[in-house]
N, C-alpha and C. Protein backbone atom coordinates (compact mmCIF):
# COMPACT_ATOMS: atom_id res chain seq x y z
N MET A 1 -47.14 29.97 57.52
CA MET A 1 -46.07 30.97 57.53
C MET A 1 -44.97 30.55 56.58
N THR A 2 -44.46 31.51 55.83
CA THR A 2 -43.42 31.19 54.85
C THR A 2 -42.05 31.50 55.40
N ASN A 3 -41.05 30.74 54.95
CA ASN A 3 -39.68 30.95 55.36
C ASN A 3 -38.88 31.68 54.30
N ALA A 4 -39.54 32.20 53.26
CA ALA A 4 -38.85 32.89 52.17
C ALA A 4 -38.16 34.13 52.70
N PRO A 5 -36.97 34.46 52.18
CA PRO A 5 -36.25 35.65 52.63
C PRO A 5 -37.08 36.90 52.43
N THR A 6 -37.05 37.80 53.42
CA THR A 6 -37.78 39.04 53.33
C THR A 6 -36.99 40.03 52.51
N SER A 7 -37.66 40.70 51.56
CA SER A 7 -36.97 41.65 50.70
C SER A 7 -36.57 42.89 51.49
N ALA A 8 -35.56 43.59 50.97
CA ALA A 8 -35.11 44.81 51.62
C ALA A 8 -36.24 45.84 51.68
N ARG A 9 -37.04 45.92 50.61
CA ARG A 9 -38.17 46.86 50.60
C ARG A 9 -39.14 46.56 51.71
N GLN A 10 -39.44 45.27 51.94
CA GLN A 10 -40.37 44.89 53.00
C GLN A 10 -39.77 45.17 54.37
N ARG A 11 -38.45 44.93 54.52
CA ARG A 11 -37.80 45.21 55.80
C ARG A 11 -37.86 46.69 56.12
N ILE A 12 -37.70 47.53 55.10
CA ILE A 12 -37.81 48.98 55.31
C ILE A 12 -39.22 49.34 55.73
N ALA A 13 -40.21 48.69 55.05
CA ALA A 13 -41.61 48.96 55.40
C ALA A 13 -41.90 48.53 56.83
N ASP A 14 -41.38 47.37 57.21
CA ASP A 14 -41.60 46.88 58.57
C ASP A 14 -40.96 47.79 59.61
N ALA A 15 -39.86 48.44 59.23
CA ALA A 15 -39.19 49.34 60.15
C ALA A 15 -39.86 50.72 60.19
N GLU A 16 -40.94 50.88 59.42
CA GLU A 16 -41.72 52.12 59.40
C GLU A 16 -40.87 53.30 58.95
N VAL A 17 -40.07 53.09 57.91
CA VAL A 17 -39.30 54.18 57.32
C VAL A 17 -40.13 54.73 56.16
N PRO A 18 -40.66 55.91 56.27
CA PRO A 18 -41.62 56.40 55.28
C PRO A 18 -40.99 57.06 54.07
N GLY A 19 -41.79 57.16 53.01
CA GLY A 19 -41.50 57.98 51.84
C GLY A 19 -40.13 57.82 51.24
N TRP A 20 -39.56 58.99 50.88
CA TRP A 20 -38.29 58.99 50.14
C TRP A 20 -37.14 58.44 50.98
N THR A 21 -37.25 58.53 52.30
CA THR A 21 -36.18 58.01 53.15
C THR A 21 -36.03 56.51 52.96
N GLY A 22 -37.17 55.81 52.86
CA GLY A 22 -37.11 54.38 52.60
C GLY A 22 -36.49 54.08 51.26
N GLY A 23 -36.81 54.91 50.26
CA GLY A 23 -36.22 54.71 48.94
C GLY A 23 -34.72 54.92 48.95
N VAL A 24 -34.26 55.93 49.71
CA VAL A 24 -32.82 56.17 49.82
C VAL A 24 -32.14 54.99 50.50
N MET A 25 -32.76 54.46 51.56
CA MET A 25 -32.19 53.32 52.25
C MET A 25 -32.11 52.10 51.34
N LEU A 26 -33.13 51.91 50.53
CA LEU A 26 -33.12 50.79 49.59
C LEU A 26 -32.02 50.98 48.55
N GLY A 27 -31.86 52.23 48.06
CA GLY A 27 -30.79 52.51 47.10
C GLY A 27 -29.41 52.27 47.69
N LEU A 28 -29.22 52.69 48.94
CA LEU A 28 -27.94 52.46 49.61
C LEU A 28 -27.68 50.98 49.81
N ARG A 29 -28.75 50.24 50.09
CA ARG A 29 -28.60 48.79 50.24
C ARG A 29 -28.15 48.16 48.93
N TRP A 30 -28.69 48.64 47.80
CA TRP A 30 -28.28 48.14 46.49
C TRP A 30 -26.80 48.42 46.24
N VAL A 31 -26.39 49.65 46.53
CA VAL A 31 -24.98 50.02 46.31
C VAL A 31 -24.08 49.14 47.17
N THR A 32 -24.48 48.96 48.44
CA THR A 32 -23.69 48.13 49.35
C THR A 32 -23.58 46.70 48.83
N LEU A 33 -24.69 46.17 48.34
CA LEU A 33 -24.69 44.80 47.82
C LEU A 33 -23.81 44.67 46.58
N LEU A 34 -23.83 45.68 45.72
CA LEU A 34 -22.98 45.64 44.52
C LEU A 34 -21.51 45.57 44.91
N VAL A 35 -21.12 46.36 45.89
CA VAL A 35 -19.73 46.34 46.35
C VAL A 35 -19.42 44.99 46.99
N GLU A 36 -20.37 44.46 47.77
CA GLU A 36 -20.17 43.16 48.39
C GLU A 36 -19.99 42.06 47.34
N VAL A 37 -20.82 42.11 46.30
CA VAL A 37 -20.71 41.08 45.25
C VAL A 37 -19.37 41.20 44.54
N SER A 38 -18.89 42.43 44.32
CA SER A 38 -17.57 42.61 43.72
C SER A 38 -16.50 41.94 44.58
N ALA A 39 -16.61 42.12 45.90
CA ALA A 39 -15.64 41.49 46.81
C ALA A 39 -15.76 39.97 46.76
N MET A 40 -17.01 39.47 46.71
CA MET A 40 -17.22 38.03 46.61
C MET A 40 -16.59 37.46 45.36
N LEU A 41 -16.81 38.13 44.24
CA LEU A 41 -16.26 37.65 42.97
C LEU A 41 -14.74 37.62 42.99
N LEU A 42 -14.14 38.65 43.57
CA LEU A 42 -12.68 38.69 43.65
C LEU A 42 -12.16 37.57 44.54
N LEU A 43 -12.76 37.42 45.73
CA LEU A 43 -12.31 36.39 46.66
C LEU A 43 -12.56 34.99 46.10
N GLY A 44 -13.72 34.81 45.45
CA GLY A 44 -14.02 33.51 44.86
C GLY A 44 -13.07 33.14 43.75
N THR A 45 -12.69 34.14 42.93
CA THR A 45 -11.74 33.89 41.85
C THR A 45 -10.36 33.54 42.42
N LEU A 46 -9.91 34.29 43.42
CA LEU A 46 -8.62 34.03 44.03
C LEU A 46 -8.60 32.70 44.78
N ALA A 47 -9.74 32.33 45.38
CA ALA A 47 -9.80 31.09 46.14
C ALA A 47 -9.56 29.87 45.26
N GLY A 48 -9.85 29.98 43.99
CA GLY A 48 -9.61 28.89 43.06
C GLY A 48 -8.35 29.08 42.25
N GLY A 49 -7.48 29.99 42.69
CA GLY A 49 -6.26 30.24 41.95
C GLY A 49 -6.51 30.85 40.59
N VAL A 50 -7.58 31.63 40.46
CA VAL A 50 -8.00 32.30 39.22
C VAL A 50 -8.48 31.29 38.18
N LEU A 51 -7.62 30.38 37.78
CA LEU A 51 -7.96 29.44 36.71
C LEU A 51 -9.16 28.58 37.09
N LEU A 52 -9.20 28.11 38.33
CA LEU A 52 -10.30 27.27 38.79
C LEU A 52 -11.32 28.06 39.62
N GLY A 53 -11.08 29.34 39.81
CA GLY A 53 -11.97 30.13 40.65
C GLY A 53 -12.94 31.02 39.91
N LEU A 54 -12.57 31.45 38.69
CA LEU A 54 -13.40 32.42 37.98
C LEU A 54 -14.77 31.85 37.61
N GLY A 55 -14.81 30.64 37.05
CA GLY A 55 -16.09 30.06 36.66
C GLY A 55 -17.05 29.91 37.83
N PRO A 56 -16.65 29.23 38.92
CA PRO A 56 -17.53 29.11 40.09
C PRO A 56 -17.91 30.46 40.67
N ALA A 57 -17.00 31.45 40.64
CA ALA A 57 -17.32 32.77 41.17
C ALA A 57 -18.40 33.45 40.34
N LEU A 58 -18.30 33.36 39.01
CA LEU A 58 -19.32 33.96 38.14
C LEU A 58 -20.67 33.27 38.33
N ARG A 59 -20.64 31.96 38.47
CA ARG A 59 -21.89 31.22 38.68
C ARG A 59 -22.54 31.63 40.01
N ALA A 60 -21.74 31.68 41.07
CA ALA A 60 -22.27 32.07 42.37
C ALA A 60 -22.72 33.53 42.36
N GLY A 61 -21.96 34.39 41.68
CA GLY A 61 -22.36 35.79 41.58
C GLY A 61 -23.67 35.96 40.85
N SER A 62 -23.91 35.12 39.84
CA SER A 62 -25.17 35.18 39.12
C SER A 62 -26.35 34.83 40.01
N VAL A 63 -26.14 33.87 40.90
CA VAL A 63 -27.20 33.50 41.86
C VAL A 63 -27.52 34.68 42.77
N ILE A 64 -26.49 35.34 43.28
CA ILE A 64 -26.70 36.45 44.21
C ILE A 64 -27.36 37.64 43.51
N THR A 65 -26.86 38.01 42.34
CA THR A 65 -27.41 39.17 41.65
C THR A 65 -28.83 38.93 41.15
N ALA A 66 -29.19 37.67 40.92
CA ALA A 66 -30.57 37.38 40.52
C ALA A 66 -31.54 37.64 41.66
N ARG A 67 -31.06 37.55 42.89
CA ARG A 67 -31.92 37.75 44.06
C ARG A 67 -31.71 39.13 44.68
N MET A 68 -30.50 39.64 44.64
CA MET A 68 -30.11 40.93 45.19
C MET A 68 -30.71 41.16 46.58
N THR A 69 -31.56 42.16 46.75
CA THR A 69 -32.03 42.53 48.09
C THR A 69 -32.94 41.47 48.71
N GLN A 70 -33.40 40.50 47.93
CA GLN A 70 -34.22 39.44 48.49
C GLN A 70 -33.38 38.32 49.10
N GLU A 71 -32.07 38.37 48.91
CA GLU A 71 -31.19 37.35 49.48
C GLU A 71 -30.81 37.73 50.90
N ALA A 72 -31.24 36.90 51.86
CA ALA A 72 -31.02 37.23 53.27
C ALA A 72 -29.56 37.03 53.69
N HIS A 73 -28.88 36.05 53.12
CA HIS A 73 -27.50 35.74 53.53
C HIS A 73 -26.63 35.62 52.28
N PRO A 74 -26.30 36.74 51.63
CA PRO A 74 -25.57 36.66 50.35
C PRO A 74 -24.22 35.98 50.44
N TRP A 75 -23.45 36.25 51.48
CA TRP A 75 -22.12 35.64 51.57
C TRP A 75 -22.23 34.13 51.74
N ARG A 76 -23.13 33.70 52.60
CA ARG A 76 -23.31 32.26 52.82
C ARG A 76 -23.77 31.58 51.54
N THR A 77 -24.73 32.19 50.86
CA THR A 77 -25.25 31.62 49.61
C THR A 77 -24.16 31.58 48.54
N PHE A 78 -23.37 32.65 48.48
CA PHE A 78 -22.30 32.70 47.48
C PHE A 78 -21.33 31.54 47.65
N TRP A 79 -20.83 31.35 48.85
CA TRP A 79 -19.83 30.30 49.06
C TRP A 79 -20.42 28.90 48.94
N HIS A 80 -21.67 28.75 49.34
CA HIS A 80 -22.32 27.45 49.16
C HIS A 80 -22.44 27.13 47.67
N THR A 81 -22.85 28.12 46.87
CA THR A 81 -22.97 27.91 45.43
C THR A 81 -21.60 27.70 44.79
N TRP A 82 -20.61 28.44 45.27
CA TRP A 82 -19.26 28.32 44.74
C TRP A 82 -18.72 26.90 44.91
N ARG A 83 -18.99 26.29 46.05
CA ARG A 83 -18.49 24.93 46.32
C ARG A 83 -19.30 23.86 45.59
N THR A 84 -20.60 24.12 45.43
CA THR A 84 -21.48 23.11 44.83
C THR A 84 -21.13 22.90 43.36
N ASP A 85 -20.98 21.63 42.96
CA ASP A 85 -20.64 21.29 41.57
C ASP A 85 -19.40 22.03 41.08
N PHE A 86 -18.41 22.15 41.95
CA PHE A 86 -17.21 22.93 41.63
C PHE A 86 -16.52 22.43 40.37
N TRP A 87 -16.28 21.13 40.29
CA TRP A 87 -15.55 20.60 39.14
C TRP A 87 -16.39 20.58 37.87
N ALA A 88 -17.69 20.31 38.01
CA ALA A 88 -18.57 20.35 36.84
C ALA A 88 -18.65 21.77 36.28
N THR A 89 -18.70 22.75 37.18
CA THR A 89 -18.72 24.15 36.74
C THR A 89 -17.45 24.51 35.98
N ASN A 90 -16.31 24.08 36.52
CA ASN A 90 -15.05 24.36 35.84
C ASN A 90 -14.95 23.65 34.50
N ALA A 91 -15.53 22.46 34.41
CA ALA A 91 -15.49 21.74 33.13
C ALA A 91 -16.25 22.50 32.06
N THR A 92 -17.41 23.05 32.39
CA THR A 92 -18.18 23.78 31.38
C THR A 92 -17.59 25.16 31.10
N PHE A 93 -16.78 25.67 32.03
CA PHE A 93 -16.16 26.99 31.82
C PHE A 93 -14.82 26.89 31.10
N ALA A 94 -14.19 25.71 31.14
CA ALA A 94 -12.85 25.53 30.58
C ALA A 94 -12.70 25.99 29.12
N PRO A 95 -13.68 25.74 28.23
CA PRO A 95 -13.52 26.20 26.84
C PRO A 95 -13.30 27.70 26.71
N PHE A 96 -13.80 28.49 27.67
CA PHE A 96 -13.56 29.94 27.61
C PHE A 96 -12.08 30.25 27.81
N TRP A 97 -11.41 29.48 28.66
CA TRP A 97 -9.97 29.67 28.83
C TRP A 97 -9.23 29.34 27.53
N VAL A 98 -9.68 28.27 26.88
CA VAL A 98 -9.06 27.89 25.60
C VAL A 98 -9.28 29.01 24.58
N LEU A 99 -10.50 29.53 24.53
CA LEU A 99 -10.79 30.64 23.61
C LEU A 99 -9.92 31.85 23.91
N ALA A 100 -9.75 32.15 25.18
CA ALA A 100 -8.95 33.31 25.58
C ALA A 100 -7.51 33.16 25.10
N VAL A 101 -6.96 31.97 25.26
CA VAL A 101 -5.57 31.73 24.82
C VAL A 101 -5.46 31.86 23.31
N LEU A 102 -6.41 31.28 22.58
CA LEU A 102 -6.38 31.35 21.12
C LEU A 102 -6.52 32.79 20.64
N LEU A 103 -7.42 33.55 21.26
CA LEU A 103 -7.60 34.95 20.87
C LEU A 103 -6.35 35.77 21.17
N TRP A 104 -5.69 35.43 22.27
CA TRP A 104 -4.47 36.14 22.62
C TRP A 104 -3.39 35.93 21.56
N PHE A 105 -3.18 34.68 21.18
CA PHE A 105 -2.16 34.39 20.17
C PHE A 105 -2.55 34.94 18.81
N ASP A 106 -3.85 34.93 18.50
CA ASP A 106 -4.29 35.52 17.24
C ASP A 106 -4.02 37.02 17.22
N GLY A 107 -4.24 37.66 18.39
CA GLY A 107 -3.96 39.09 18.48
C GLY A 107 -2.49 39.40 18.26
N ILE A 108 -1.61 38.54 18.77
CA ILE A 108 -0.18 38.72 18.53
C ILE A 108 0.14 38.50 17.06
N ALA A 109 -0.51 37.51 16.45
CA ALA A 109 -0.25 37.22 15.04
C ALA A 109 -0.65 38.39 14.15
N VAL A 110 -1.74 39.09 14.50
CA VAL A 110 -2.19 40.23 13.70
C VAL A 110 -1.10 41.29 13.61
N THR A 111 -0.39 41.51 14.72
CA THR A 111 0.65 42.54 14.74
C THR A 111 1.87 42.15 13.90
N MET A 112 1.99 40.87 13.59
CA MET A 112 3.16 40.40 12.84
C MET A 112 2.91 40.28 11.34
N LEU A 113 1.64 40.31 10.96
CA LEU A 113 1.30 40.12 9.55
C LEU A 113 1.15 41.47 8.85
N GLY A 114 1.28 41.43 7.57
CA GLY A 114 1.09 42.64 6.77
C GLY A 114 -0.20 42.57 5.97
N TYR A 115 -0.40 43.57 5.13
CA TYR A 115 -1.59 43.64 4.28
C TYR A 115 -1.48 42.58 3.18
N PRO A 116 -2.57 41.86 2.80
CA PRO A 116 -3.95 42.00 3.29
C PRO A 116 -4.31 41.01 4.39
N ALA A 117 -3.34 40.18 4.82
CA ALA A 117 -3.65 39.14 5.80
C ALA A 117 -4.06 39.74 7.14
N ALA A 118 -3.37 40.81 7.57
CA ALA A 118 -3.65 41.39 8.88
C ALA A 118 -5.09 41.89 9.01
N PRO A 119 -5.63 42.70 8.06
CA PRO A 119 -7.01 43.15 8.20
C PRO A 119 -8.03 42.01 8.21
N ILE A 120 -7.76 40.99 7.38
CA ILE A 120 -8.69 39.85 7.34
C ILE A 120 -8.70 39.13 8.68
N LEU A 121 -7.51 38.85 9.22
CA LEU A 121 -7.42 38.16 10.50
C LEU A 121 -7.99 39.02 11.63
N LEU A 122 -7.76 40.32 11.55
CA LEU A 122 -8.29 41.23 12.57
C LEU A 122 -9.82 41.22 12.57
N GLY A 123 -10.41 41.24 11.37
CA GLY A 123 -11.87 41.17 11.28
C GLY A 123 -12.42 39.89 11.85
N ALA A 124 -11.77 38.77 11.52
CA ALA A 124 -12.20 37.48 12.07
C ALA A 124 -12.03 37.44 13.58
N LEU A 125 -10.95 38.03 14.06
CA LEU A 125 -10.68 38.06 15.49
C LEU A 125 -11.75 38.85 16.24
N ILE A 126 -12.13 40.00 15.69
CA ILE A 126 -13.17 40.81 16.32
C ILE A 126 -14.50 40.08 16.32
N ALA A 127 -14.83 39.40 15.23
CA ALA A 127 -16.09 38.66 15.14
C ALA A 127 -16.13 37.55 16.19
N VAL A 128 -15.04 36.80 16.32
CA VAL A 128 -14.99 35.72 17.31
C VAL A 128 -15.05 36.28 18.72
N LEU A 129 -14.39 37.41 18.95
CA LEU A 129 -14.39 38.03 20.27
C LEU A 129 -15.80 38.46 20.67
N LEU A 130 -16.52 39.09 19.74
CA LEU A 130 -17.89 39.52 20.04
C LEU A 130 -18.81 38.33 20.28
N TRP A 131 -18.66 37.30 19.46
CA TRP A 131 -19.47 36.09 19.61
C TRP A 131 -19.20 35.44 20.97
N SER A 132 -17.92 35.37 21.34
CA SER A 132 -17.53 34.77 22.62
C SER A 132 -18.05 35.59 23.79
N ALA A 133 -18.08 36.91 23.64
CA ALA A 133 -18.59 37.77 24.71
C ALA A 133 -20.06 37.50 24.97
N VAL A 134 -20.83 37.31 23.90
CA VAL A 134 -22.25 36.99 24.07
C VAL A 134 -22.40 35.62 24.74
N MET A 135 -21.60 34.66 24.33
CA MET A 135 -21.66 33.34 24.96
C MET A 135 -21.35 33.43 26.45
N LEU A 136 -20.39 34.29 26.80
CA LEU A 136 -20.01 34.43 28.20
C LEU A 136 -21.14 35.02 29.03
N THR A 137 -21.95 35.90 28.43
CA THR A 137 -23.08 36.44 29.19
C THR A 137 -24.16 35.39 29.43
N TYR A 138 -24.24 34.41 28.54
CA TYR A 138 -25.21 33.33 28.73
C TYR A 138 -24.73 32.29 29.75
N TRP A 139 -23.42 32.12 29.83
CA TRP A 139 -22.89 30.99 30.60
C TRP A 139 -23.31 30.95 32.07
N PRO A 140 -23.23 32.07 32.85
CA PRO A 140 -23.57 31.96 34.26
C PRO A 140 -24.98 31.43 34.53
N ARG A 141 -25.96 31.89 33.73
CA ARG A 141 -27.34 31.42 33.94
C ARG A 141 -27.47 29.95 33.58
N LEU A 142 -26.82 29.50 32.51
CA LEU A 142 -26.85 28.09 32.16
C LEU A 142 -26.15 27.26 33.22
N ALA A 143 -25.06 27.78 33.78
CA ALA A 143 -24.35 27.06 34.84
C ALA A 143 -25.21 26.94 36.09
N VAL A 144 -26.00 27.95 36.38
CA VAL A 144 -26.91 27.89 37.54
C VAL A 144 -27.91 26.77 37.37
N HIS A 145 -28.37 26.56 36.13
CA HIS A 145 -29.36 25.51 35.87
C HIS A 145 -28.73 24.12 35.77
N ARG A 146 -27.39 24.05 35.85
CA ARG A 146 -26.67 22.77 35.91
C ARG A 146 -26.97 21.87 34.71
N GLN A 147 -26.89 22.45 33.54
CA GLN A 147 -27.09 21.67 32.32
C GLN A 147 -25.85 20.83 32.02
N PRO A 148 -26.00 19.66 31.38
CA PRO A 148 -24.83 18.87 30.98
C PRO A 148 -23.93 19.68 30.04
N PHE A 149 -22.67 19.27 29.98
CA PHE A 149 -21.67 20.00 29.18
C PHE A 149 -22.12 20.17 27.74
N THR A 150 -22.55 19.09 27.11
CA THR A 150 -22.90 19.17 25.69
C THR A 150 -24.12 20.06 25.47
N ASP A 151 -25.11 19.97 26.34
CA ASP A 151 -26.30 20.82 26.21
C ASP A 151 -25.94 22.29 26.41
N THR A 152 -25.08 22.54 27.41
CA THR A 152 -24.67 23.92 27.68
C THR A 152 -23.97 24.54 26.49
N TRP A 153 -23.00 23.82 25.92
CA TRP A 153 -22.22 24.41 24.85
C TRP A 153 -22.93 24.39 23.51
N ARG A 154 -23.88 23.50 23.33
CA ARG A 154 -24.71 23.56 22.12
C ARG A 154 -25.51 24.85 22.11
N LEU A 155 -26.07 25.19 23.26
CA LEU A 155 -26.85 26.43 23.35
C LEU A 155 -25.95 27.66 23.30
N LEU A 156 -24.80 27.59 23.96
CA LEU A 156 -23.89 28.73 23.95
C LEU A 156 -23.42 29.08 22.54
N LEU A 157 -23.06 28.07 21.78
CA LEU A 157 -22.52 28.31 20.45
C LEU A 157 -23.54 28.96 19.52
N PHE A 158 -24.82 28.64 19.73
CA PHE A 158 -25.86 29.18 18.85
C PHE A 158 -26.67 30.29 19.51
N ALA A 159 -26.28 30.71 20.71
CA ALA A 159 -27.05 31.72 21.45
C ALA A 159 -27.26 33.01 20.66
N PRO A 160 -26.21 33.57 20.00
CA PRO A 160 -26.44 34.81 19.25
C PRO A 160 -27.45 34.65 18.11
N LEU A 161 -27.53 33.44 17.53
CA LEU A 161 -28.49 33.21 16.45
C LEU A 161 -29.89 32.96 17.00
N LEU A 162 -29.98 32.29 18.14
CA LEU A 162 -31.28 31.99 18.73
C LEU A 162 -31.98 33.24 19.27
N GLY A 163 -31.19 34.22 19.67
CA GLY A 163 -31.77 35.45 20.20
C GLY A 163 -30.93 36.66 19.83
N PRO A 164 -30.96 37.11 18.58
CA PRO A 164 -30.13 38.25 18.18
C PRO A 164 -30.43 39.52 18.96
N GLY A 165 -31.69 39.70 19.34
CA GLY A 165 -32.04 40.88 20.14
C GLY A 165 -31.40 40.82 21.52
N THR A 166 -31.45 39.64 22.12
CA THR A 166 -30.82 39.46 23.43
C THR A 166 -29.30 39.62 23.31
N ALA A 167 -28.73 39.08 22.23
CA ALA A 167 -27.29 39.21 22.01
C ALA A 167 -26.89 40.68 21.89
N LEU A 168 -27.69 41.46 21.14
CA LEU A 168 -27.40 42.88 20.99
C LEU A 168 -27.51 43.61 22.33
N ALA A 169 -28.53 43.24 23.12
CA ALA A 169 -28.73 43.89 24.43
C ALA A 169 -27.59 43.57 25.39
N THR A 170 -27.22 42.29 25.47
CA THR A 170 -26.14 41.92 26.39
C THR A 170 -24.80 42.51 25.92
N GLY A 171 -24.60 42.55 24.60
CA GLY A 171 -23.39 43.18 24.08
C GLY A 171 -23.32 44.65 24.42
N SER A 172 -24.47 45.32 24.37
CA SER A 172 -24.51 46.74 24.73
C SER A 172 -24.18 46.95 26.19
N VAL A 173 -24.66 46.03 27.03
CA VAL A 173 -24.35 46.11 28.47
C VAL A 173 -22.85 45.96 28.69
N LEU A 174 -22.24 45.00 28.01
CA LEU A 174 -20.80 44.81 28.15
C LEU A 174 -20.02 46.03 27.66
N ALA A 175 -20.45 46.60 26.53
CA ALA A 175 -19.78 47.80 26.01
C ALA A 175 -19.90 48.96 27.00
N ALA A 176 -21.08 49.12 27.59
CA ALA A 176 -21.26 50.18 28.59
C ALA A 176 -20.37 49.95 29.80
N ALA A 177 -20.23 48.69 30.22
CA ALA A 177 -19.38 48.37 31.37
C ALA A 177 -17.91 48.71 31.07
N VAL A 178 -17.48 48.42 29.83
CA VAL A 178 -16.10 48.74 29.43
C VAL A 178 -15.89 50.26 29.47
N LEU A 179 -16.85 51.02 28.97
CA LEU A 179 -16.73 52.48 28.98
C LEU A 179 -16.69 53.01 30.41
N VAL A 180 -17.52 52.45 31.27
CA VAL A 180 -17.50 52.87 32.68
C VAL A 180 -16.14 52.57 33.30
N GLY A 181 -15.61 51.38 33.00
CA GLY A 181 -14.30 51.01 33.53
C GLY A 181 -13.20 51.94 33.05
N LEU A 182 -13.32 52.43 31.81
CA LEU A 182 -12.29 53.31 31.24
C LEU A 182 -12.37 54.72 31.80
N TYR A 183 -13.59 55.24 31.92
CA TYR A 183 -13.75 56.64 32.30
C TYR A 183 -14.09 56.85 33.77
N LEU A 184 -14.62 55.82 34.42
CA LEU A 184 -14.91 55.88 35.86
C LEU A 184 -14.35 54.62 36.51
N PRO A 185 -13.03 54.51 36.58
CA PRO A 185 -12.42 53.25 37.03
C PRO A 185 -12.84 52.81 38.43
N VAL A 186 -13.05 53.77 39.33
CA VAL A 186 -13.46 53.40 40.69
C VAL A 186 -14.83 52.73 40.67
N VAL A 187 -15.76 53.32 39.93
CA VAL A 187 -17.09 52.72 39.79
C VAL A 187 -16.99 51.37 39.10
N GLY A 188 -16.13 51.30 38.09
CA GLY A 188 -15.95 50.04 37.37
C GLY A 188 -15.47 48.94 38.28
N VAL A 189 -14.49 49.23 39.11
CA VAL A 189 -13.94 48.21 40.02
C VAL A 189 -14.97 47.79 41.05
N LEU A 190 -15.72 48.75 41.59
CA LEU A 190 -16.63 48.47 42.70
C LEU A 190 -17.96 47.86 42.28
N ALA A 191 -18.42 48.16 41.06
CA ALA A 191 -19.79 47.75 40.74
C ALA A 191 -20.02 47.23 39.34
N ALA A 192 -19.08 47.37 38.41
CA ALA A 192 -19.36 47.07 37.00
C ALA A 192 -19.72 45.60 36.79
N VAL A 193 -18.91 44.69 37.30
CA VAL A 193 -19.16 43.26 37.04
C VAL A 193 -20.48 42.80 37.66
N PRO A 194 -20.79 43.15 38.94
CA PRO A 194 -22.11 42.77 39.48
C PRO A 194 -23.27 43.33 38.67
N LEU A 195 -23.13 44.57 38.19
CA LEU A 195 -24.21 45.16 37.38
C LEU A 195 -24.37 44.41 36.06
N VAL A 196 -23.24 44.00 35.47
CA VAL A 196 -23.31 43.21 34.24
C VAL A 196 -23.98 41.87 34.51
N LEU A 197 -23.59 41.22 35.59
CA LEU A 197 -24.22 39.93 35.94
C LEU A 197 -25.71 40.09 36.18
N TRP A 198 -26.09 41.16 36.86
CA TRP A 198 -27.50 41.38 37.16
C TRP A 198 -28.30 41.67 35.89
N SER A 199 -27.84 42.61 35.08
CA SER A 199 -28.62 43.02 33.91
C SER A 199 -28.61 41.95 32.82
N THR A 200 -27.45 41.40 32.50
CA THR A 200 -27.41 40.36 31.47
C THR A 200 -28.11 39.09 31.96
N GLY A 201 -28.02 38.84 33.27
CA GLY A 201 -28.72 37.67 33.81
C GLY A 201 -30.21 37.74 33.61
N ARG A 202 -30.79 38.92 33.80
CA ARG A 202 -32.23 39.10 33.57
C ARG A 202 -32.58 38.92 32.10
N LEU A 203 -31.76 39.49 31.22
CA LEU A 203 -32.01 39.36 29.79
C LEU A 203 -31.91 37.91 29.33
N VAL A 204 -30.85 37.25 29.78
CA VAL A 204 -30.62 35.86 29.36
C VAL A 204 -31.67 34.94 29.95
N GLN A 205 -32.03 35.14 31.22
CA GLN A 205 -33.04 34.28 31.83
C GLN A 205 -34.38 34.41 31.12
N ASP A 206 -34.71 35.64 30.74
CA ASP A 206 -35.95 35.84 29.98
C ASP A 206 -35.89 35.09 28.65
N ARG A 207 -34.73 35.13 28.00
CA ARG A 207 -34.60 34.42 26.72
C ARG A 207 -34.66 32.92 26.92
N LEU A 208 -34.03 32.42 27.97
CA LEU A 208 -34.07 30.98 28.25
C LEU A 208 -35.49 30.53 28.57
N ASP A 209 -36.24 31.36 29.29
CA ASP A 209 -37.64 31.03 29.59
C ASP A 209 -38.46 30.95 28.32
N ARG A 210 -38.18 31.85 27.37
CA ARG A 210 -38.89 31.83 26.09
C ARG A 210 -38.55 30.57 25.29
N LEU A 211 -37.26 30.22 25.30
CA LEU A 211 -36.86 29.02 24.58
C LEU A 211 -37.47 27.77 25.20
N THR A 212 -37.54 27.73 26.51
CA THR A 212 -38.13 26.58 27.20
C THR A 212 -39.62 26.47 26.94
N ALA A 213 -40.28 27.64 26.88
CA ALA A 213 -41.73 27.65 26.68
C ALA A 213 -42.14 27.45 25.24
N ARG A 214 -41.18 27.59 24.30
CA ARG A 214 -41.52 27.48 22.88
C ARG A 214 -41.90 26.03 22.56
N PRO A 215 -43.07 25.80 21.93
CA PRO A 215 -43.48 24.42 21.61
C PRO A 215 -42.60 23.82 20.54
N ALA A 216 -42.46 22.52 20.58
CA ALA A 216 -41.67 21.80 19.57
C ALA A 216 -42.36 21.91 18.22
N GLY A 217 -41.56 21.82 17.15
CA GLY A 217 -42.13 21.89 15.82
C GLY A 217 -41.51 23.00 15.02
N PRO A 218 -42.00 23.23 13.79
CA PRO A 218 -41.42 24.27 12.94
C PRO A 218 -41.54 25.63 13.58
N ALA A 219 -40.49 26.45 13.43
CA ALA A 219 -40.51 27.80 13.99
C ALA A 219 -41.56 28.63 13.27
N GLN A 220 -42.25 29.46 14.06
CA GLN A 220 -43.28 30.33 13.49
C GLN A 220 -42.65 31.64 13.06
N PRO A 221 -43.15 32.24 11.97
CA PRO A 221 -42.61 33.51 11.51
C PRO A 221 -42.72 34.56 12.61
N GLY A 222 -41.62 35.29 12.80
CA GLY A 222 -41.63 36.35 13.79
C GLY A 222 -41.50 35.87 15.20
N SER A 223 -41.16 34.59 15.43
CA SER A 223 -41.09 34.06 16.79
C SER A 223 -39.79 34.38 17.48
N GLY A 224 -38.73 34.78 16.71
CA GLY A 224 -37.45 35.07 17.33
C GLY A 224 -37.44 36.44 17.95
N ILE A 225 -36.43 36.63 18.86
CA ILE A 225 -36.29 37.93 19.47
C ILE A 225 -35.49 38.84 18.54
């Protein structure tokens, strides 16, 4: 007998809920979980005073969204993951805070400069922002795998080059989330971040699996995503 958590679909089947009704119940369970994960992320971020809470919250949220309806005790798992390797998680997340501060000051500098310096700096700022956004989508999955700081950031820095297709896909997900937040703010607040963690987590994990499975040696033509 296995002790693995029973999926929501199996629980519905065991409860003898037939046809479309079972599908509706499963859909409602997904919506409920998305809202729950949003609450977990908020509470986890606040529990660390934001500065020390965001990284562990994103890491724990990535664990939950990777399992979703198969996770029997999401709140318990979230807080256990949040506490585990708390300081190591913050250490690998700290460079993102540094990047955020630098981008903020660069954005202020753009408004103070004139032509042609302002357009050049603005272009560089946008490029760094997009690159950083892709790195941020990779970070939660790497943090889950508990890689050393240097290994984590070596991969993060080159992630867009190692998988341009994955970078484009995760960037599209982030752009869609921003649009949802702008035009459907209630949906954005309740579900956008968990959906981003879930979808980008699947894309990034698939890319990491490919990188891990790739044999050592010269790269083969057409081997990149």
